[in-house]
Protein backbone atom coordinates (compact mmCIF):
# COMPACT_ATOMS: atom_id res chain seq x y z
CA UNK A 1 -14.45 -0.97 -17.92
CA UNK A 2 -16.48 1.52 -15.89
CA UNK A 3 -14.77 3.48 -13.15
CA UNK A 4 -17.25 5.00 -10.75
CA UNK A 5 -16.89 7.24 -7.73
CA UNK A 6 -18.96 6.90 -4.59
CA UNK A 7 -18.69 8.78 -1.34
CA UNK A 8 -18.15 5.62 0.73
CA UNK A 9 -19.06 1.92 0.68
CA UNK A 10 -22.80 1.27 0.85
CA UNK A 11 -24.45 -0.63 3.67
CA UNK A 12 -24.85 -3.57 1.26
CA UNK A 13 -21.11 -3.64 0.51
CA UNK A 14 -20.30 -3.45 4.22
CA UNK A 15 -22.74 -6.32 4.87
CA UNK A 16 -20.84 -8.29 2.20
CA UNK A 17 -17.60 -7.81 4.15
CA UNK A 18 -16.14 -4.66 2.60
CA UNK A 19 -14.55 -2.46 5.28
CA UNK A 20 -16.17 0.96 5.81
CA UNK A 21 -12.79 2.70 5.24
CA UNK A 22 -12.00 0.95 1.94
CA UNK A 23 -10.42 3.31 -0.60
CA UNK A 24 -11.28 1.44 -3.78
CA UNK A 25 -12.80 -1.79 -4.99
CA UNK A 26 -12.50 -3.93 -8.10
CA UNK A 27 -15.65 -5.94 -8.79
CA UNK A 28 -15.96 -8.64 -11.43
CA UNK A 29 -13.77 -10.98 -13.39
CA UNK A 30 -10.11 -10.25 -14.07
CA UNK A 31 -9.09 -9.59 -17.66
CA UNK A 32 -8.91 -12.82 -19.63
CA UNK A 33 -10.63 -14.86 -16.94
CA UNK A 34 -13.13 -17.31 -18.42
CA UNK A 35 -16.46 -16.70 -16.73
CA UNK A 36 -20.13 -17.09 -17.47
CA UNK A 37 -21.46 -13.75 -18.73
CA UNK A 38 -22.44 -11.55 -15.82
CA UNK A 39 -25.30 -9.07 -15.76
CA UNK A 40 -22.88 -6.58 -14.18
CA UNK A 41 -19.61 -5.81 -15.99
CA UNK A 42 -16.29 -5.66 -14.19
CA UNK A 43 -15.84 -2.24 -12.65
CA UNK A 44 -13.72 -0.16 -10.32
CA UNK A 45 -15.29 1.89 -7.56
CA UNK A 46 -13.34 4.69 -5.85
CA UNK A 47 -14.61 5.87 -2.46
CA UNK A 48 -13.89 9.59 -2.46
CA UNK A 49 -14.67 10.44 1.17
CA UNK A 50 -12.34 7.67 2.33
CA UNK A 51 -9.63 8.81 -0.07
CA UNK A 52 -10.01 12.38 1.19
CA UNK A 53 -9.79 11.21 4.82
CA UNK A 54 -6.72 9.07 3.99
CA UNK A 55 -5.01 12.13 2.49
CA UNK A 56 -5.87 14.20 5.58
CA UNK A 57 -7.69 16.72 3.36
CA UNK A 58 -4.51 17.66 1.48
CA UNK A 59 -5.32 18.12 -2.21
CA UNK A 60 -1.95 16.95 -3.54
CA UNK A 61 -1.98 13.88 -1.30
CA UNK A 62 -5.59 13.23 -2.35
CA UNK A 63 -4.61 13.23 -6.03
CA UNK A 64 -1.71 10.88 -5.33
CA UNK A 65 -3.94 8.54 -3.33
CA UNK A 66 -6.59 8.50 -6.07
CA UNK A 67 -3.89 7.63 -8.64
CA UNK A 68 -2.37 4.89 -6.48
CA UNK A 69 -5.78 3.42 -5.61
CA UNK A 70 -6.93 3.44 -9.23
CA UNK A 71 -3.71 1.72 -10.36
CA UNK A 72 -4.07 -0.77 -7.50
CA UNK A 73 -7.59 -1.69 -8.60
CA UNK A 74 -6.51 -1.88 -12.26
CA UNK A 75 -3.86 -4.33 -11.09
CA UNK A 76 -6.59 -6.54 -9.67
CA UNK A 77 -8.33 -6.34 -13.04
CA UNK A 78 -5.10 -7.61 -14.61
CA UNK A 79 -5.13 -10.53 -12.18
CA UNK A 80 -2.40 -9.30 -9.84
CA UNK A 81 -2.60 -10.31 -6.19
CA UNK A 82 -1.58 -8.18 -3.20
CA UNK A 83 2.06 -9.34 -3.40
CA UNK A 84 2.23 -8.34 -7.08
CA UNK A 85 0.79 -4.93 -6.24
CA UNK A 86 3.20 -4.42 -3.34
CA UNK A 87 6.15 -5.24 -5.61
CA UNK A 88 4.96 -2.41 -7.88
CA UNK A 89 4.52 0.09 -5.04
CA UNK A 90 0.73 -0.04 -5.26
CA UNK A 91 -0.09 -1.14 -1.72
């Protein structure tokens, strides 16, 4: 599954309801979910400027936030909901 990094959510994502300060996003079908083939594969997008702002420009905090956000989005890929992620400390 591709993991891409963008500076921040695009205008199109924001128009689709994604908040401008979103840290990461899982797009697509969860693992094992039966779906009609999609022209775009499931993917994770990390928004680096937002992650940097969230960490208050502290490099160690930034690395931790990237890790937590990536694991959070991987959890969505595995089909976990927000409660499942919170139970695992990935909120």
